[in-house]
Amino acid sequence: MDGGAMRRRALRIGLFFLALPLTGLTAIAWADDGGGVFEALFGRHKEVAPVHSDTYEEECGACHFAYPPGLLPRRSWARLMAPDALSDHFGDDAALDEPTRREIAAFLDAHAADDSGYKRSIKVRRSIPKDEAPLRITEVPYIRRKHADLDAARIQDNPKVKSLANCEACHRKAADAVYDDDTVSIPGFGRDW
C-alpha cells in the first residue's frame, strides 16, 4: 500500500470514529418523543414539572392557580405550608386539616426546584440566594428578570392580568407547566410584548 492509500485509509477510519457518536445522537433524536436530544442524553427537561397532585390542585387550586412546585425552592414551600402561615395566607385563611396539609407539603417538598432536572426550575433555584426563601413566585429573581421589560399597561393596569401572579392570563399553557415565549399572549396586546 502506497503512502497516499494509507493516508486515505487513515482518513476514512478517522471519519468513521468521528461520525460514530453523531450516529448515536441521531438515533436518540429519532427515538425521542419530543423532549430533545439533550434531554434524552442527560435527563434534563424544559420548563418545570407539571402538577400531579389531585389534593394540591383541589385545595390550593380552588382559590388560585396551582403553581408548579418547581417554581420555588423547598425552603419557600416549607414556610408557605407552615400552619401559622396558612391561617394568614396573604390575607386569607387557607388553613387545612393536618393530614391534608402534610400531604400537600410533602408533594411540594418532593417536587420543589431544589433537585429538579427541569430547565426552568434549575434557573429558578440558581437565581435565589441560599439564605433566602421567597414567599411569592413573583419575588424569584429569575421570574422578575424574565418579566422586567413588561410595563404596567400590560400587567398591573391590564384588567385581564392585574398581577404577575396571574400566570394563566398570559401563559396559555401554564396549566401544563409550559412558560416558554411561544405560548405567551398578553390580553389586549397579543404577542406584542
N, C-alpha and C. Protein backbone atom coordinates (compact mmCIF):
# COMPACT_ATOMS: atom_id res chain seq x y z
N MET A 1 0.86 -1.16 0.00
CA MET A 1 0.00 0.00 0.00
C MET A 1 0.91 1.23 0.00
N ASP A 2 0.64 2.17 -0.94
CA ASP A 2 1.48 3.36 -1.01
C ASP A 2 1.05 4.38 0.04
N GLY A 3 1.82 5.45 0.18
CA GLY A 3 1.57 6.47 1.21
C GLY A 3 0.23 7.16 1.04
N GLY A 4 -0.19 7.42 -0.19
CA GLY A 4 -1.48 8.08 -0.45
C GLY A 4 -2.64 7.19 -0.03
N ALA A 5 -2.54 5.90 -0.33
CA ALA A 5 -3.61 4.95 0.03
C ALA A 5 -3.70 4.82 1.55
N MET A 6 -2.55 4.82 2.21
CA MET A 6 -2.55 4.70 3.67
C MET A 6 -3.20 5.94 4.30
N ARG A 7 -2.89 7.12 3.75
CA ARG A 7 -3.49 8.35 4.28
C ARG A 7 -5.01 8.34 4.07
N ARG A 8 -5.45 7.89 2.89
CA ARG A 8 -6.89 7.84 2.63
C ARG A 8 -7.57 6.85 3.56
N ARG A 9 -6.93 5.70 3.79
CA ARG A 9 -7.50 4.71 4.70
C ARG A 9 -7.55 5.26 6.12
N ALA A 10 -6.49 5.93 6.58
CA ALA A 10 -6.46 6.52 7.92
C ALA A 10 -7.54 7.61 8.04
N LEU A 11 -7.72 8.38 6.96
CA LEU A 11 -8.76 9.41 6.96
C LEU A 11 -10.15 8.78 7.08
N ARG A 12 -10.41 7.69 6.32
CA ARG A 12 -11.70 7.01 6.38
C ARG A 12 -11.95 6.44 7.78
N ILE A 13 -10.93 5.85 8.39
CA ILE A 13 -11.07 5.30 9.75
C ILE A 13 -11.33 6.42 10.74
N GLY A 14 -10.59 7.52 10.61
CA GLY A 14 -10.79 8.67 11.49
C GLY A 14 -12.20 9.24 11.36
N LEU A 15 -12.66 9.40 10.12
CA LEU A 15 -14.02 9.92 9.90
C LEU A 15 -15.07 8.97 10.47
N PHE A 16 -14.82 7.66 10.35
CA PHE A 16 -15.75 6.68 10.91
C PHE A 16 -15.89 6.89 12.42
N PHE A 17 -14.76 7.03 13.10
CA PHE A 17 -14.82 7.20 14.56
C PHE A 17 -15.37 8.57 14.96
N LEU A 18 -15.20 9.59 14.12
CA LEU A 18 -15.81 10.89 14.40
C LEU A 18 -17.32 10.84 14.18
N ALA A 19 -17.76 10.10 13.17
CA ALA A 19 -19.19 10.03 12.85
C ALA A 19 -19.96 9.11 13.78
N LEU A 20 -19.29 8.17 14.41
CA LEU A 20 -19.97 7.20 15.27
C LEU A 20 -20.81 7.86 16.36
N PRO A 21 -20.27 8.82 17.14
CA PRO A 21 -21.12 9.45 18.16
C PRO A 21 -22.30 10.21 17.55
N LEU A 22 -22.09 10.84 16.39
CA LEU A 22 -23.18 11.56 15.75
C LEU A 22 -24.29 10.61 15.33
N THR A 23 -23.93 9.43 14.89
CA THR A 23 -24.93 8.43 14.52
C THR A 23 -25.77 8.06 15.73
N GLY A 24 -25.13 7.91 16.88
CA GLY A 24 -25.86 7.60 18.11
C GLY A 24 -26.79 8.73 18.50
N LEU A 25 -26.31 9.97 18.36
CA LEU A 25 -27.17 11.11 18.69
C LEU A 25 -28.36 11.19 17.75
N THR A 26 -28.13 10.88 16.46
CA THR A 26 -29.23 10.88 15.51
C THR A 26 -30.26 9.83 15.87
N ALA A 27 -29.80 8.66 16.27
CA ALA A 27 -30.73 7.60 16.67
C ALA A 27 -31.54 8.02 17.89
N ILE A 28 -30.89 8.67 18.85
CA ILE A 28 -31.61 9.14 20.04
C ILE A 28 -32.63 10.21 19.63
N ALA A 29 -32.22 11.10 18.73
CA ALA A 29 -33.13 12.16 18.31
C ALA A 29 -34.36 11.58 17.62
N TRP A 30 -34.17 10.56 16.78
CA TRP A 30 -35.30 9.95 16.09
C TRP A 30 -36.19 9.19 17.06
N ALA A 31 -35.60 8.56 18.06
CA ALA A 31 -36.37 7.76 19.01
C ALA A 31 -37.02 8.61 20.09
N ASP A 32 -36.53 9.83 20.25
CA ASP A 32 -37.02 10.68 21.33
C ASP A 32 -38.46 11.10 21.06
N ASP A 33 -39.24 11.26 22.11
CA ASP A 33 -40.65 11.60 21.97
C ASP A 33 -40.89 13.10 22.05
N GLY A 34 -39.93 13.92 21.74
CA GLY A 34 -40.14 15.35 21.71
C GLY A 34 -39.38 16.12 22.77
N GLY A 35 -38.74 15.45 23.71
CA GLY A 35 -38.01 16.13 24.76
C GLY A 35 -36.69 16.69 24.29
N GLY A 36 -36.17 16.21 23.17
CA GLY A 36 -34.93 16.70 22.62
C GLY A 36 -33.76 15.80 22.95
N VAL A 37 -32.72 15.91 22.15
CA VAL A 37 -31.53 15.07 22.31
C VAL A 37 -30.87 15.32 23.65
N PHE A 38 -30.71 16.59 24.02
CA PHE A 38 -30.06 16.91 25.29
C PHE A 38 -30.81 16.26 26.45
N GLU A 39 -32.13 16.39 26.42
CA GLU A 39 -32.94 15.81 27.49
C GLU A 39 -32.80 14.30 27.51
N ALA A 40 -32.78 13.68 26.33
CA ALA A 40 -32.66 12.23 26.25
C ALA A 40 -31.32 11.76 26.80
N LEU A 41 -30.27 12.53 26.52
CA LEU A 41 -28.94 12.14 26.97
C LEU A 41 -28.70 12.41 28.45
N PHE A 42 -29.19 13.54 28.93
CA PHE A 42 -28.82 13.97 30.27
C PHE A 42 -29.96 14.02 31.28
N GLY A 43 -31.16 13.62 30.89
CA GLY A 43 -32.28 13.57 31.82
C GLY A 43 -32.76 14.95 32.26
N ARG A 44 -32.46 15.96 31.50
CA ARG A 44 -32.89 17.32 31.83
C ARG A 44 -34.03 17.68 30.89
N HIS A 45 -35.05 18.33 31.41
CA HIS A 45 -36.22 18.66 30.63
C HIS A 45 -36.42 20.17 30.59
N LYS A 46 -37.19 20.61 29.60
CA LYS A 46 -37.53 22.02 29.52
C LYS A 46 -38.57 22.35 30.57
N GLU A 47 -38.78 23.64 30.77
CA GLU A 47 -39.86 24.14 31.62
C GLU A 47 -39.76 23.69 33.07
N VAL A 48 -40.90 23.33 33.68
CA VAL A 48 -40.97 22.82 35.05
C VAL A 48 -41.87 21.59 35.03
N ALA A 49 -41.75 20.76 36.04
CA ALA A 49 -42.59 19.57 36.11
C ALA A 49 -44.04 20.00 36.32
N PRO A 50 -44.96 19.39 35.59
CA PRO A 50 -46.37 19.72 35.79
C PRO A 50 -46.87 19.21 37.14
N VAL A 51 -47.97 19.77 37.58
CA VAL A 51 -48.57 19.39 38.86
C VAL A 51 -49.27 18.04 38.70
N HIS A 52 -48.91 17.10 39.58
CA HIS A 52 -49.54 15.78 39.57
C HIS A 52 -50.01 15.44 40.99
N SER A 53 -50.86 16.27 41.53
CA SER A 53 -51.42 16.02 42.85
C SER A 53 -52.85 16.53 42.86
N ASP A 54 -53.78 15.61 42.90
CA ASP A 54 -55.19 15.99 42.94
C ASP A 54 -55.49 16.82 44.19
N THR A 55 -54.92 16.42 45.31
CA THR A 55 -55.17 17.14 46.57
C THR A 55 -54.67 18.57 46.48
N TYR A 56 -53.46 18.77 45.97
CA TYR A 56 -52.91 20.12 45.82
C TYR A 56 -53.78 20.95 44.87
N GLU A 57 -54.14 20.36 43.73
CA GLU A 57 -54.96 21.09 42.77
C GLU A 57 -56.34 21.44 43.35
N GLU A 58 -56.92 20.51 44.08
CA GLU A 58 -58.25 20.75 44.66
C GLU A 58 -58.20 21.80 45.77
N GLU A 59 -57.24 21.68 46.68
CA GLU A 59 -57.19 22.58 47.83
C GLU A 59 -56.63 23.96 47.46
N CYS A 60 -55.48 23.99 46.86
CA CYS A 60 -54.84 25.27 46.55
C CYS A 60 -55.40 25.87 45.26
N GLY A 61 -55.67 25.00 44.29
CA GLY A 61 -56.22 25.46 43.03
C GLY A 61 -57.65 25.96 43.12
N ALA A 62 -58.32 25.72 44.23
CA ALA A 62 -59.68 26.23 44.42
C ALA A 62 -59.69 27.76 44.55
N CYS A 63 -58.59 28.32 45.05
CA CYS A 63 -58.52 29.78 45.27
C CYS A 63 -57.64 30.51 44.27
N HIS A 64 -56.62 29.84 43.78
CA HIS A 64 -55.70 30.48 42.84
C HIS A 64 -55.07 29.40 41.97
N PHE A 65 -54.31 29.83 40.99
CA PHE A 65 -53.59 28.91 40.11
C PHE A 65 -52.72 27.98 40.95
N ALA A 66 -52.77 26.69 40.67
CA ALA A 66 -51.94 25.72 41.39
C ALA A 66 -50.54 25.75 40.77
N TYR A 67 -49.70 26.60 41.33
CA TYR A 67 -48.36 26.81 40.79
C TYR A 67 -47.54 25.52 40.84
N PRO A 68 -46.81 25.22 39.76
CA PRO A 68 -45.92 24.05 39.80
C PRO A 68 -44.89 24.21 40.92
N PRO A 69 -44.66 23.17 41.70
CA PRO A 69 -43.71 23.27 42.82
C PRO A 69 -42.29 23.65 42.39
N GLY A 70 -41.92 23.37 41.14
CA GLY A 70 -40.59 23.68 40.66
C GLY A 70 -40.31 25.16 40.47
N LEU A 71 -41.30 26.01 40.78
CA LEU A 71 -41.09 27.45 40.68
C LEU A 71 -40.58 28.07 41.97
N LEU A 72 -40.46 27.27 43.02
CA LEU A 72 -39.92 27.75 44.30
C LEU A 72 -39.04 26.67 44.92
N PRO A 73 -38.09 27.07 45.74
CA PRO A 73 -37.27 26.07 46.44
C PRO A 73 -38.04 25.48 47.63
N ARG A 74 -37.56 24.38 48.10
CA ARG A 74 -38.14 23.64 49.24
C ARG A 74 -38.36 24.55 50.46
N ARG A 75 -37.37 25.39 50.76
CA ARG A 75 -37.46 26.24 51.95
C ARG A 75 -38.62 27.24 51.85
N SER A 76 -38.94 27.68 50.64
CA SER A 76 -40.07 28.58 50.44
C SER A 76 -41.38 27.84 50.67
N TRP A 77 -41.50 26.64 50.09
CA TRP A 77 -42.73 25.86 50.27
C TRP A 77 -42.94 25.51 51.74
N ALA A 78 -41.85 25.22 52.45
CA ALA A 78 -41.98 24.90 53.88
C ALA A 78 -42.54 26.09 54.65
N ARG A 79 -42.06 27.28 54.33
CA ARG A 79 -42.58 28.49 55.00
C ARG A 79 -44.04 28.71 54.66
N LEU A 80 -44.40 28.53 53.39
CA LEU A 80 -45.79 28.75 52.95
C LEU A 80 -46.76 27.74 53.55
N MET A 81 -46.28 26.51 53.77
CA MET A 81 -47.16 25.44 54.24
C MET A 81 -47.16 25.29 55.76
N ALA A 82 -46.45 26.15 56.46
CA ALA A 82 -46.49 26.11 57.93
C ALA A 82 -47.91 26.46 58.38
N PRO A 83 -48.42 25.79 59.42
CA PRO A 83 -49.80 26.03 59.86
C PRO A 83 -50.12 27.50 60.13
N ASP A 84 -49.20 28.23 60.78
CA ASP A 84 -49.48 29.64 61.06
C ASP A 84 -49.49 30.48 59.79
N ALA A 85 -48.66 30.11 58.80
CA ALA A 85 -48.65 30.84 57.53
C ALA A 85 -49.95 30.59 56.76
N LEU A 86 -50.47 29.38 56.84
CA LEU A 86 -51.72 29.08 56.14
C LEU A 86 -52.91 29.80 56.75
N SER A 87 -52.88 30.02 58.05
CA SER A 87 -54.00 30.72 58.69
C SER A 87 -54.04 32.20 58.29
N ASP A 88 -52.90 32.73 57.80
CA ASP A 88 -52.86 34.08 57.24
C ASP A 88 -52.07 34.00 55.93
N HIS A 89 -52.71 33.43 54.93
CA HIS A 89 -52.09 33.19 53.63
C HIS A 89 -52.36 34.40 52.72
N PHE A 90 -51.47 35.37 52.81
CA PHE A 90 -51.61 36.61 52.05
C PHE A 90 -52.96 37.27 52.31
N GLY A 91 -53.37 37.27 53.58
CA GLY A 91 -54.59 37.93 53.98
C GLY A 91 -55.82 37.04 54.03
N ASP A 92 -55.69 35.80 53.59
CA ASP A 92 -56.81 34.85 53.63
C ASP A 92 -56.51 33.71 54.58
N ASP A 93 -57.55 33.10 55.09
CA ASP A 93 -57.38 31.91 55.93
C ASP A 93 -57.41 30.69 55.02
N ALA A 94 -56.26 30.08 54.82
CA ALA A 94 -56.13 28.90 53.97
C ALA A 94 -55.79 27.66 54.81
N ALA A 95 -56.17 27.69 56.07
CA ALA A 95 -55.86 26.58 56.98
C ALA A 95 -56.44 25.27 56.44
N LEU A 96 -55.68 24.22 56.65
CA LEU A 96 -56.07 22.88 56.20
C LEU A 96 -56.05 21.93 57.39
N ASP A 97 -56.82 20.84 57.29
CA ASP A 97 -56.68 19.83 58.34
C ASP A 97 -55.27 19.25 58.23
N GLU A 98 -54.75 18.75 59.32
CA GLU A 98 -53.33 18.36 59.39
C GLU A 98 -52.95 17.28 58.37
N PRO A 99 -53.73 16.21 58.18
CA PRO A 99 -53.33 15.22 57.17
C PRO A 99 -53.24 15.81 55.76
N THR A 100 -54.17 16.68 55.42
CA THR A 100 -54.15 17.32 54.08
C THR A 100 -52.95 18.24 53.96
N ARG A 101 -52.70 19.02 55.00
CA ARG A 101 -51.55 19.94 54.99
C ARG A 101 -50.25 19.17 54.81
N ARG A 102 -50.10 18.08 55.55
CA ARG A 102 -48.88 17.26 55.44
C ARG A 102 -48.75 16.65 54.04
N GLU A 103 -49.85 16.18 53.48
CA GLU A 103 -49.81 15.59 52.14
C GLU A 103 -49.36 16.61 51.09
N ILE A 104 -49.94 17.80 51.14
CA ILE A 104 -49.58 18.84 50.18
C ILE A 104 -48.14 19.30 50.41
N ALA A 105 -47.76 19.48 51.66
CA ALA A 105 -46.39 19.90 51.97
C ALA A 105 -45.38 18.87 51.46
N ALA A 106 -45.70 17.60 51.61
CA ALA A 106 -44.79 16.54 51.13
C ALA A 106 -44.69 16.57 49.61
N PHE A 107 -45.81 16.80 48.93
CA PHE A 107 -45.79 16.90 47.47
C PHE A 107 -44.92 18.07 47.02
N LEU A 108 -45.12 19.23 47.62
CA LEU A 108 -44.36 20.42 47.25
C LEU A 108 -42.87 20.23 47.54
N ASP A 109 -42.56 19.64 48.67
CA ASP A 109 -41.18 19.37 49.05
C ASP A 109 -40.50 18.43 48.04
N ALA A 110 -41.21 17.39 47.65
CA ALA A 110 -40.64 16.39 46.73
C ALA A 110 -40.43 16.93 45.32
N HIS A 111 -41.18 17.96 44.94
CA HIS A 111 -41.12 18.45 43.57
C HIS A 111 -40.64 19.90 43.46
N ALA A 112 -40.04 20.41 44.53
CA ALA A 112 -39.53 21.79 44.54
C ALA A 112 -38.36 21.93 43.58
N ALA A 113 -37.96 23.16 43.35
CA ALA A 113 -36.89 23.45 42.39
C ALA A 113 -35.54 22.87 42.80
N ASP A 114 -35.34 22.58 44.08
CA ASP A 114 -34.02 22.19 44.60
C ASP A 114 -33.34 21.05 43.85
N ASP A 115 -34.06 19.99 43.56
CA ASP A 115 -33.45 18.81 42.94
C ASP A 115 -33.98 18.55 41.54
N SER A 116 -34.74 19.47 41.01
CA SER A 116 -35.39 19.26 39.72
C SER A 116 -34.38 19.26 38.57
N GLY A 117 -34.64 18.44 37.58
CA GLY A 117 -33.84 18.41 36.36
C GLY A 117 -34.48 19.24 35.26
N TYR A 118 -35.57 19.91 35.58
CA TYR A 118 -36.24 20.75 34.59
C TYR A 118 -35.52 22.08 34.45
N LYS A 119 -35.31 22.49 33.21
CA LYS A 119 -34.50 23.66 32.89
C LYS A 119 -34.95 24.93 33.62
N ARG A 120 -36.23 25.22 33.61
CA ARG A 120 -36.69 26.46 34.24
C ARG A 120 -36.56 26.38 35.76
N SER A 121 -36.77 25.21 36.34
CA SER A 121 -36.58 25.04 37.79
C SER A 121 -35.12 25.24 38.17
N ILE A 122 -34.22 24.79 37.34
CA ILE A 122 -32.79 24.99 37.59
C ILE A 122 -32.47 26.49 37.59
N LYS A 123 -33.03 27.22 36.65
CA LYS A 123 -32.81 28.67 36.58
C LYS A 123 -33.40 29.37 37.81
N VAL A 124 -34.57 28.91 38.23
CA VAL A 124 -35.20 29.47 39.44
C VAL A 124 -34.27 29.26 40.63
N ARG A 125 -33.84 28.04 40.83
CA ARG A 125 -33.02 27.70 42.00
C ARG A 125 -31.69 28.46 41.99
N ARG A 126 -31.08 28.59 40.82
CA ARG A 126 -29.79 29.29 40.75
C ARG A 126 -29.92 30.78 41.01
N SER A 127 -31.10 31.34 40.77
CA SER A 127 -31.28 32.78 40.93
C SER A 127 -31.54 33.21 42.38
N ILE A 128 -31.89 32.27 43.24
CA ILE A 128 -32.25 32.61 44.62
C ILE A 128 -31.06 32.36 45.54
N PRO A 129 -30.62 33.40 46.25
CA PRO A 129 -29.53 33.19 47.22
C PRO A 129 -29.93 32.11 48.24
N LYS A 130 -28.97 31.31 48.63
CA LYS A 130 -29.23 30.16 49.52
C LYS A 130 -29.84 30.54 50.86
N ASP A 131 -29.62 31.77 51.30
CA ASP A 131 -30.16 32.19 52.59
C ASP A 131 -31.53 32.88 52.46
N GLU A 132 -32.12 32.86 51.26
CA GLU A 132 -33.42 33.48 51.05
C GLU A 132 -34.47 32.43 50.73
N ALA A 133 -35.70 32.73 51.12
CA ALA A 133 -36.84 31.83 50.86
C ALA A 133 -38.04 32.69 50.46
N PRO A 134 -38.09 33.11 49.19
CA PRO A 134 -39.21 33.97 48.78
C PRO A 134 -40.55 33.28 48.99
N LEU A 135 -41.53 34.06 49.40
CA LEU A 135 -42.87 33.53 49.62
C LEU A 135 -43.77 33.68 48.40
N ARG A 136 -43.33 34.48 47.47
CA ARG A 136 -44.10 34.69 46.24
C ARG A 136 -43.23 34.31 45.05
N ILE A 137 -43.81 33.65 44.09
CA ILE A 137 -43.08 33.29 42.87
C ILE A 137 -42.63 34.56 42.15
N THR A 138 -43.42 35.61 42.27
CA THR A 138 -43.06 36.87 41.62
C THR A 138 -41.87 37.56 42.29
N GLU A 139 -41.40 37.03 43.42
CA GLU A 139 -40.20 37.56 44.09
C GLU A 139 -38.93 36.82 43.67
N VAL A 140 -39.08 35.76 42.92
CA VAL A 140 -37.92 34.98 42.46
C VAL A 140 -37.14 35.81 41.44
N PRO A 141 -35.85 36.04 41.67
CA PRO A 141 -35.07 36.88 40.76
C PRO A 141 -35.17 36.47 39.29
N TYR A 142 -35.13 35.19 38.99
CA TYR A 142 -35.24 34.74 37.61
C TYR A 142 -36.59 35.15 37.00
N ILE A 143 -37.67 34.98 37.74
CA ILE A 143 -39.00 35.34 37.25
C ILE A 143 -39.09 36.85 37.04
N ARG A 144 -38.54 37.60 37.98
CA ARG A 144 -38.54 39.07 37.85
C ARG A 144 -37.78 39.51 36.60
N ARG A 145 -36.62 38.89 36.37
CA ARG A 145 -35.82 39.21 35.19
C ARG A 145 -36.57 38.92 33.90
N LYS A 146 -37.26 37.79 33.86
CA LYS A 146 -37.99 37.39 32.66
C LYS A 146 -39.14 38.36 32.33
N HIS A 147 -39.64 39.06 33.33
CA HIS A 147 -40.77 39.97 33.13
C HIS A 147 -40.37 41.44 33.24
N ALA A 148 -39.10 41.73 33.35
CA ALA A 148 -38.62 43.10 33.61
C ALA A 148 -39.02 44.10 32.53
N ASP A 149 -39.14 43.68 31.30
CA ASP A 149 -39.45 44.60 30.21
C ASP A 149 -40.93 44.90 30.05
N LEU A 150 -41.77 44.27 30.86
CA LEU A 150 -43.21 44.48 30.72
C LEU A 150 -43.65 45.70 31.53
N ASP A 151 -44.35 46.60 30.87
CA ASP A 151 -44.80 47.82 31.55
C ASP A 151 -46.13 47.60 32.27
N ALA A 152 -46.53 48.58 33.06
CA ALA A 152 -47.76 48.50 33.85
C ALA A 152 -49.00 48.30 32.98
N ALA A 153 -49.01 48.85 31.78
CA ALA A 153 -50.18 48.71 30.90
C ALA A 153 -50.44 47.24 30.56
N ARG A 154 -49.39 46.47 30.48
CA ARG A 154 -49.54 45.05 30.13
C ARG A 154 -49.85 44.18 31.34
N ILE A 155 -49.47 44.62 32.53
CA ILE A 155 -49.65 43.79 33.73
C ILE A 155 -50.62 44.47 34.71
N GLN A 156 -50.13 45.34 35.56
CA GLN A 156 -50.92 45.90 36.65
C GLN A 156 -52.17 46.65 36.17
N ASP A 157 -52.06 47.43 35.11
CA ASP A 157 -53.19 48.23 34.63
C ASP A 157 -54.09 47.44 33.66
N ASN A 158 -53.72 46.22 33.37
CA ASN A 158 -54.49 45.39 32.45
C ASN A 158 -55.54 44.63 33.26
N PRO A 159 -56.83 44.93 33.09
CA PRO A 159 -57.86 44.30 33.92
C PRO A 159 -57.94 42.77 33.76
N LYS A 160 -57.38 42.24 32.68
CA LYS A 160 -57.41 40.79 32.49
C LYS A 160 -56.15 40.12 33.04
N VAL A 161 -55.20 40.89 33.54
CA VAL A 161 -53.96 40.33 34.09
C VAL A 161 -53.83 40.75 35.56
N LYS A 162 -53.65 42.04 35.81
CA LYS A 162 -53.56 42.66 37.14
C LYS A 162 -52.28 42.37 37.92
N SER A 163 -51.68 41.19 37.74
CA SER A 163 -50.51 40.83 38.54
C SER A 163 -49.69 39.76 37.83
N LEU A 164 -48.38 39.78 38.08
CA LEU A 164 -47.54 38.69 37.55
C LEU A 164 -47.93 37.34 38.13
N ALA A 165 -48.61 37.33 39.26
CA ALA A 165 -49.05 36.07 39.87
C ALA A 165 -50.14 35.39 39.06
N ASN A 166 -50.75 36.11 38.14
CA ASN A 166 -51.81 35.56 37.30
C ASN A 166 -51.19 34.94 36.05
N CYS A 167 -50.43 33.89 36.23
CA CYS A 167 -49.67 33.25 35.15
C CYS A 167 -50.55 32.87 33.95
N GLU A 168 -51.70 32.29 34.25
CA GLU A 168 -52.57 31.78 33.18
C GLU A 168 -53.10 32.87 32.26
N ALA A 169 -53.12 34.12 32.70
CA ALA A 169 -53.64 35.19 31.87
C ALA A 169 -52.84 35.35 30.58
N CYS A 170 -51.53 35.18 30.67
CA CYS A 170 -50.66 35.39 29.51
C CYS A 170 -50.00 34.10 29.01
N HIS A 171 -49.65 33.24 29.93
CA HIS A 171 -49.00 31.98 29.55
C HIS A 171 -50.10 30.96 29.27
N ARG A 172 -50.44 30.79 28.00
CA ARG A 172 -51.59 29.98 27.59
C ARG A 172 -51.46 28.50 27.93
N LYS A 173 -50.25 28.05 28.22
CA LYS A 173 -50.06 26.64 28.58
C LYS A 173 -49.54 26.49 30.01
N ALA A 174 -49.80 27.48 30.84
CA ALA A 174 -49.34 27.44 32.23
C ALA A 174 -49.90 26.22 32.97
N ALA A 175 -51.11 25.83 32.67
CA ALA A 175 -51.71 24.67 33.33
C ALA A 175 -50.95 23.39 33.02
N ASP A 176 -50.20 23.39 31.92
CA ASP A 176 -49.36 22.25 31.55
C ASP A 176 -47.92 22.47 31.97
N ALA A 177 -47.66 23.52 32.73
CA ALA A 177 -46.32 23.88 33.22
C ALA A 177 -45.38 24.28 32.07
N VAL A 178 -45.95 24.90 31.05
CA VAL A 178 -45.17 25.39 29.92
C VAL A 178 -45.23 26.92 29.95
N TYR A 179 -44.06 27.55 30.03
CA TYR A 179 -43.99 29.00 30.15
C TYR A 179 -43.11 29.63 29.08
N ASP A 180 -42.84 28.92 28.01
CA ASP A 180 -41.93 29.48 27.01
C ASP A 180 -42.59 30.64 26.26
N ASP A 181 -41.76 31.46 25.63
CA ASP A 181 -42.23 32.67 24.96
C ASP A 181 -43.25 32.39 23.86
N ASP A 182 -43.16 31.24 23.23
CA ASP A 182 -44.08 30.91 22.15
C ASP A 182 -45.52 30.75 22.62
N THR A 183 -45.73 30.56 23.91
CA THR A 183 -47.09 30.36 24.42
C THR A 183 -47.64 31.60 25.13
N VAL A 184 -46.93 32.73 25.01
CA VAL A 184 -47.36 33.96 25.67
C VAL A 184 -48.23 34.79 24.73
N SER A 185 -49.36 35.22 25.26
CA SER A 185 -50.23 36.16 24.57
C SER A 185 -50.88 37.03 25.64
N ILE A 186 -50.47 38.28 25.71
CA ILE A 186 -50.97 39.18 26.74
C ILE A 186 -52.33 39.72 26.32
N PRO A 187 -53.35 39.55 27.16
CA PRO A 187 -54.68 40.06 26.81
C PRO A 187 -54.65 41.54 26.43
N GLY A 188 -55.23 41.84 25.28
CA GLY A 188 -55.25 43.22 24.79
C GLY A 188 -54.02 43.61 24.01
N PHE A 189 -52.97 42.80 24.08
CA PHE A 189 -51.72 43.12 23.39
C PHE A 189 -51.25 41.97 22.49
N GLY A 190 -51.77 40.80 22.71
CA GLY A 190 -51.35 39.63 21.93
C GLY A 190 -49.91 39.29 22.19
N ARG A 191 -49.19 39.06 21.11
CA ARG A 191 -47.78 38.68 21.24
C ARG A 191 -46.87 39.91 21.23
N ASP A 192 -47.45 41.09 21.27
CA ASP A 192 -46.67 42.34 21.29
C ASP A 192 -46.25 42.66 22.71
N TRP A 193 -45.11 42.22 23.09
CA TRP A 193 -44.60 42.46 24.44
C TRP A 193 -43.15 42.65 24.33
